[in-house]
Structures are given as structure tokens and as C-alpha cells.
Amino acid sequence: METVTGVILKTQDYTDNRKIVSVFSKERGYMTFMAPSFVFKRNNSRTAVCMQIAEIELYENTRSGLHKLKTMIPVVHNAAVYLDVYKMNIALLWSEVLNLLLKKEPKNDALFDFIRYSVEYLNTTDGDIANFNLFFLYRLAALMGFRINTETYADGALFNVHDGNFVLPGSGASFISGPNAARAIYRFCTCKVEELKEIPLDRRSRSTLLDIVLLFFSVHLNLDFNIKSIKVLREIFY
């Protein structure tokens, strides 16, 4: 038997009394488990364990990679997330995106610690968290090995989604954003958390910035995002 600490990204019913659980663990990266439903007790819905940090006891399956989950004990209690519809929608968005991004991700201490810190911040902060949602998504890229190159930014630049550079208008490069979005992207990639409130964005701007970062991930990781589910979450959130 082995113990890992992981963030729960997704649970889905396999049979009436078993679930498949997707987790990003600190010790081994992305993992999937077969778990008896009683392990979840009262937290037996998809959303109740979304982005929960838990200590997991498991039996390793060396043949299929679908390990057996024995016990799951929360180590970060996200009561404020589950009781706040706004925060819950952010957690749902993160879990949907991370479950796609991290399927092949190995052990990555810095990435796990960033996710854990972000979940704890989401749970404890009473401030404006709309910008923190975008801060989280834009900071993920560098931790996964492909960063947005902030050194190429200049006033009036555009963001090139294909290589992560900022380019000046008329350069001939293919780009995805206008200068206002590029400026916001640069600030999300360079500011401190306490400075997020100084980035003025309306609902439409946040929606555009979400589309850009999802496209950036899809280009660099060759992913096919479930646009329908992301769109539903976006409409609820924004």
C-alpha cells in the first residue's frame, strides 16, 4: 500500500458502487483510481470533491495504471468554496481544464504546490477573485514547461498565441489578441497576487482572456478542449 497527496480533478460513476477518480498527485503526477463509492460518504457528488486536496491510500496496479483507492482523507477543507456558488464555478472550471492539461504530466513539485496554494487562496480569500481565476490559468503555462515570454512585451504589442511572444503590429506574425488583451496578459504573468485588483476588466474582457489562454494551451499541448462544457462554465462564471 502507498500514500500520496493529490488534488482531485474529476470523479465519474463506473458502476452503482464504484467510481473512477482522476488525481494530480505531488508524488507521482497524474493518476487514475478505481474507488468504492462509500469512500466518498456524504461527498458523493461530482462537485463535492472538485479541487479537493486529499491524502490517498492506494494499491498500485502495475499492469493498467488504474490503481485501487483504499481511503481518501481531505487535508484542505474547502468549505468556503463549496458554500459559495461563485467560487464553486471557478473550481469547476479549474478541474475541467486541469484534467485535460495534466493527463500526461509526471511528478512536478512546483506545479502541485502552485495548485495547492491556489486552492487554499480561493478558499480563504474574501476579496475579488475574478482576476485570480485568470492569474491562475496564465501562470500554469510556465510551470508546465512552456512560458509566455514577457520579455518581448512593449506598449501596443499583440500576443502571438503560437509561440507565446508579444509582437508589434505590422510584424507579419500570426496573433490572437489586440493590444488591450496583450497588456492584461502581460500583467497577469508579472504581477503579484495583491496587485490583481489593479487590473480593470469587465465581463467581456475576462471572457476573451479565458478564450485566449485556452487556445494557447490547446496549441502547445495539442488538446481538444470540450468547448461546450467550458462555455457553459464561462457563462455561469462571467
Protein backbone atom coordinates (compact mmCIF):
# COMPACT_ATOMS: atom_id res chain seq x y z
CA MET A 1 0.00 0.00 0.00
CA GLU A 2 1.18 3.52 -0.81
CA THR A 3 0.10 7.02 0.27
CA VAL A 4 0.08 10.12 -1.93
CA THR A 5 -1.23 13.66 -1.56
CA GLY A 6 -3.24 14.82 -4.53
CA VAL A 7 -5.76 17.29 -5.88
CA ILE A 8 -8.96 15.60 -7.08
CA LEU A 9 -9.76 16.72 -10.59
CA LYS A 10 -12.70 14.56 -11.60
CA THR A 11 -14.90 11.73 -10.39
CA GLN A 12 -17.26 9.75 -12.56
CA ASP A 13 -19.52 6.77 -11.93
CA TYR A 14 -18.24 3.45 -13.22
CA THR A 15 -20.87 1.20 -11.68
CA ASP A 16 -23.50 1.75 -8.99
CA ASN A 17 -20.92 1.22 -6.27
CA ARG A 18 -17.63 2.23 -7.91
CA LYS A 19 -16.18 5.44 -9.25
CA ILE A 20 -13.20 6.40 -11.38
CA VAL A 21 -11.22 9.23 -9.81
CA SER A 22 -8.66 11.41 -11.62
CA VAL A 23 -5.99 12.99 -9.41
CA PHE A 24 -2.85 15.06 -9.80
CA SER A 25 -0.52 13.90 -7.03
CA LYS A 26 2.56 15.50 -5.57
CA GLU A 27 4.49 12.24 -5.53
CA ARG A 28 3.65 10.73 -8.93
CA GLY A 29 1.88 13.27 -11.11
CA TYR A 30 -1.38 12.41 -12.87
CA MET A 31 -3.06 9.22 -11.63
CA THR A 32 -6.40 7.45 -12.02
CA PHE A 33 -8.10 5.28 -9.43
CA MET A 34 -10.96 2.87 -9.08
CA ALA A 35 -12.72 3.69 -5.84
CA PRO A 36 -15.68 2.25 -3.94
CA SER A 37 -18.45 4.82 -3.67
CA PHE A 38 -18.61 4.56 0.12
CA VAL A 39 -15.17 6.22 0.32
CA PHE A 40 -16.86 9.50 -0.54
CA LYS A 41 -19.52 9.18 2.15
CA ARG A 42 -21.54 12.40 2.08
CA ASN A 43 -19.24 13.94 -0.52
CA ASN A 44 -20.53 11.63 -3.21
CA SER A 45 -21.33 14.17 -5.92
CA ARG A 46 -19.02 15.28 -8.69
CA THR A 47 -18.81 18.79 -7.35
CA ALA A 48 -18.37 17.96 -3.66
CA VAL A 49 -14.78 16.77 -4.15
CA CYS A 50 -13.87 19.09 -7.01
CA MET A 51 -10.32 20.51 -6.46
CA GLN A 52 -10.16 18.97 -3.01
CA ILE A 53 -6.67 18.29 -1.66
CA ALA A 54 -6.63 14.85 -0.07
CA GLU A 55 -4.32 12.17 1.32
CA ILE A 56 -4.97 8.98 -0.62
CA GLU A 57 -4.08 5.40 0.32
CA LEU A 58 -3.80 3.19 -2.74
CA TYR A 59 -2.84 -0.19 -4.04
CA GLU A 60 -0.74 0.15 -7.18
CA ASN A 61 -1.82 -1.58 -10.40
CA THR A 62 1.35 -2.01 -12.46
CA ARG A 63 -0.48 -3.52 -15.43
CA SER A 64 -3.15 -0.95 -16.31
CA GLY A 65 -2.35 2.22 -14.37
CA LEU A 66 -5.86 2.22 -12.90
CA HIS A 67 -4.96 1.96 -9.24
CA LYS A 68 -7.19 0.91 -6.37
CA LEU A 69 -8.14 3.72 -3.99
CA LYS A 70 -8.47 2.48 -0.42
CA THR A 71 -9.06 5.65 1.60
CA MET A 72 -9.26 9.38 0.92
CA ILE A 73 -8.91 11.96 3.71
CA PRO A 74 -9.14 15.71 2.97
CA VAL A 75 -6.12 17.70 4.13
CA VAL A 76 -7.50 21.05 2.99
CA HIS A 77 -11.13 21.66 3.91
CA ASN A 78 -12.67 23.76 1.16
CA ALA A 79 -15.91 24.61 2.92
CA ALA A 80 -15.89 28.21 1.68
CA VAL A 81 -15.55 27.03 -1.93
CA TYR A 82 -18.45 24.60 -1.75
CA LEU A 83 -20.72 27.10 0.01
CA ASP A 84 -20.04 29.93 -2.45
CA VAL A 85 -21.54 29.47 -5.92
CA TYR A 86 -19.07 31.92 -7.46
CA LYS A 87 -16.04 30.10 -6.02
CA MET A 88 -17.54 26.72 -6.87
CA ASN A 89 -17.83 27.72 -10.52
CA ILE A 90 -14.14 28.66 -10.54
CA ALA A 91 -13.24 25.30 -9.01
CA LEU A 92 -15.32 23.53 -11.66
CA LEU A 93 -13.56 25.45 -14.42
CA TRP A 94 -10.12 24.64 -12.98
CA SER A 95 -10.91 20.94 -12.62
CA GLU A 96 -12.21 20.72 -16.19
CA VAL A 97 -9.13 22.44 -17.60
CA LEU A 98 -6.57 20.69 -15.39
CA ASN A 99 -7.99 17.26 -16.08
CA LEU A 100 -7.24 17.85 -19.76
CA LEU A 101 -3.90 19.59 -19.30
CA LEU A 102 -2.34 17.17 -16.84
CA LYS A 103 -3.20 13.75 -18.28
CA LYS A 104 0.45 13.13 -19.24
CA GLU A 105 2.06 15.29 -16.57
CA PRO A 106 4.68 13.49 -14.42
CA LYS A 107 5.74 14.44 -10.91
CA ASN A 108 6.10 18.23 -10.75
CA ASP A 109 6.53 19.65 -7.26
CA ALA A 110 6.35 23.30 -8.29
CA LEU A 111 3.14 22.74 -10.25
CA PHE A 112 1.49 20.79 -7.45
CA ASP A 113 2.45 23.40 -4.86
CA PHE A 114 1.05 26.18 -7.08
CA ILE A 115 -2.26 24.35 -7.49
CA ARG A 116 -2.49 23.67 -3.76
CA TYR A 117 -1.68 27.31 -2.91
CA SER A 118 -4.30 28.49 -5.39
CA VAL A 119 -7.00 26.22 -3.94
CA GLU A 120 -6.18 27.43 -0.43
CA TYR A 121 -6.26 31.06 -1.57
CA LEU A 122 -9.59 30.55 -3.31
CA ASN A 123 -10.98 29.02 -0.13
CA THR A 124 -9.77 31.69 2.28
CA THR A 125 -9.87 35.00 0.43
CA ASP A 126 -12.79 37.36 0.81
CA GLY A 127 -11.57 39.68 -1.92
CA ASP A 128 -12.32 39.89 -5.62
CA ILE A 129 -11.41 36.51 -7.14
CA ALA A 130 -12.44 37.08 -10.76
CA ASN A 131 -8.96 38.20 -11.75
CA PHE A 132 -7.37 35.45 -9.65
CA ASN A 133 -9.06 32.87 -11.86
CA LEU A 134 -7.22 34.25 -14.90
CA PHE A 135 -3.99 34.73 -12.93
CA PHE A 136 -4.10 31.00 -12.09
CA LEU A 137 -4.64 29.89 -15.69
CA TYR A 138 -1.98 32.16 -17.21
CA ARG A 139 0.64 31.15 -14.63
CA LEU A 140 0.13 27.43 -15.33
CA ALA A 141 1.95 27.54 -18.67
CA ALA A 142 5.41 28.29 -17.28
CA LEU A 143 5.06 25.55 -14.66
CA MET A 144 4.31 23.05 -17.41
CA GLY A 145 7.39 23.99 -19.42
CA PHE A 146 6.10 26.47 -21.99
CA ARG A 147 6.01 30.01 -20.74
CA ILE A 148 4.61 33.24 -22.06
CA ASN A 149 7.67 35.36 -22.90
CA THR A 150 7.04 38.59 -21.02
CA GLU A 151 10.47 39.91 -22.01
CA THR A 152 9.10 40.58 -25.50
CA TYR A 153 6.32 42.87 -24.28
CA ALA A 154 6.20 46.55 -25.26
CA ASP A 155 3.37 49.10 -25.21
CA GLY A 156 0.94 48.45 -28.04
CA ALA A 157 2.16 44.89 -28.61
CA LEU A 158 -0.11 41.99 -29.59
CA PHE A 159 0.03 38.47 -28.16
CA ASN A 160 1.08 35.67 -30.51
CA VAL A 161 -0.65 32.53 -29.29
CA HIS A 162 1.55 30.23 -31.39
CA ASP A 163 4.88 30.98 -29.75
CA GLY A 164 3.96 32.86 -26.56
CA ASN A 165 5.71 36.05 -27.66
CA PHE A 166 4.40 39.60 -27.83
CA VAL A 167 4.77 41.18 -31.28
CA LEU A 168 4.31 44.68 -32.61
CA PRO A 169 1.52 45.41 -35.12
CA GLY A 170 2.65 45.01 -38.72
CA SER A 171 5.29 42.42 -37.88
CA GLY A 172 3.56 39.83 -40.07
CA ALA A 173 3.28 37.28 -37.24
CA SER A 174 0.00 35.49 -36.63
CA PHE A 175 -1.52 36.65 -33.38
CA ILE A 176 -4.70 36.24 -31.43
CA SER A 177 -5.11 39.32 -29.27
CA GLY A 178 -5.38 43.07 -29.56
CA PRO A 179 -3.19 45.42 -27.51
CA ASN A 180 -5.59 45.69 -24.56
CA ALA A 181 -5.74 41.91 -24.08
CA ALA A 182 -1.97 41.66 -24.53
CA ARG A 183 -1.45 44.25 -21.81
CA ALA A 184 -3.69 42.30 -19.43
CA ILE A 185 -1.89 39.04 -20.25
CA TYR A 186 1.46 40.67 -19.51
CA ARG A 187 0.19 41.94 -16.17
CA PHE A 188 -1.24 38.54 -15.17
CA CYS A 189 2.13 36.96 -15.92
CA THR A 190 4.19 39.50 -13.97
CA CYS A 191 2.10 40.93 -11.12
CA LYS A 192 1.82 39.84 -7.50
CA VAL A 193 -1.46 38.44 -6.20
CA GLU A 194 -2.17 41.57 -4.18
CA GLU A 195 -1.92 43.66 -7.36
CA LEU A 196 -4.68 41.77 -9.21
CA LYS A 197 -7.34 44.24 -8.09
CA GLU A 198 -5.49 46.92 -10.04
CA ILE A 199 -6.22 45.21 -13.38
CA PRO A 200 -9.58 46.67 -14.51
CA LEU A 201 -11.56 44.17 -16.60
CA ASP A 202 -15.22 43.83 -17.46
CA ARG A 203 -17.13 40.63 -18.13
CA ARG A 204 -16.47 40.66 -21.87
CA SER A 205 -12.74 41.23 -21.40
CA ARG A 206 -12.44 38.32 -18.95
CA SER A 207 -14.32 36.04 -21.33
CA THR A 208 -11.94 36.99 -24.16
CA LEU A 209 -8.87 36.41 -21.96
CA LEU A 210 -10.22 33.00 -20.96
CA ASP A 211 -10.65 32.04 -24.62
CA ILE A 212 -7.08 33.15 -25.37
CA VAL A 213 -5.46 31.12 -22.60
CA LEU A 214 -7.46 28.01 -23.53
CA LEU A 215 -6.39 28.40 -27.14
CA PHE A 216 -2.79 28.86 -26.01
CA PHE A 217 -2.95 25.58 -24.08
CA SER A 218 -4.62 23.74 -26.95
CA VAL A 219 -1.96 24.88 -29.44
CA HIS A 220 1.01 23.94 -27.26
CA LEU A 221 -0.35 20.67 -25.86
CA ASN A 222 -2.31 19.58 -28.93
CA LEU A 223 -5.51 19.35 -26.93
CA ASP A 224 -9.14 19.34 -27.95
CA PHE A 225 -10.97 21.20 -25.21
CA ASN A 226 -14.56 20.33 -24.59
CA ILE A 227 -15.63 23.78 -25.74
CA LYS A 228 -19.27 23.16 -24.88
CA SER A 229 -18.60 22.40 -21.22
CA ILE A 230 -16.07 25.22 -20.93
CA LYS A 231 -18.56 27.62 -22.50
CA VAL A 232 -21.27 26.63 -20.02
CA LEU A 233 -18.92 27.21 -17.09
CA ARG A 234 -17.78 30.51 -18.59
CA GLU A 235 -21.35 31.75 -18.96
CA ILE A 236 -22.12 30.83 -15.35
CA PHE A 237 -18.94 32.47 -14.10
CA TYR A 238 -18.97 35.62 -16.17
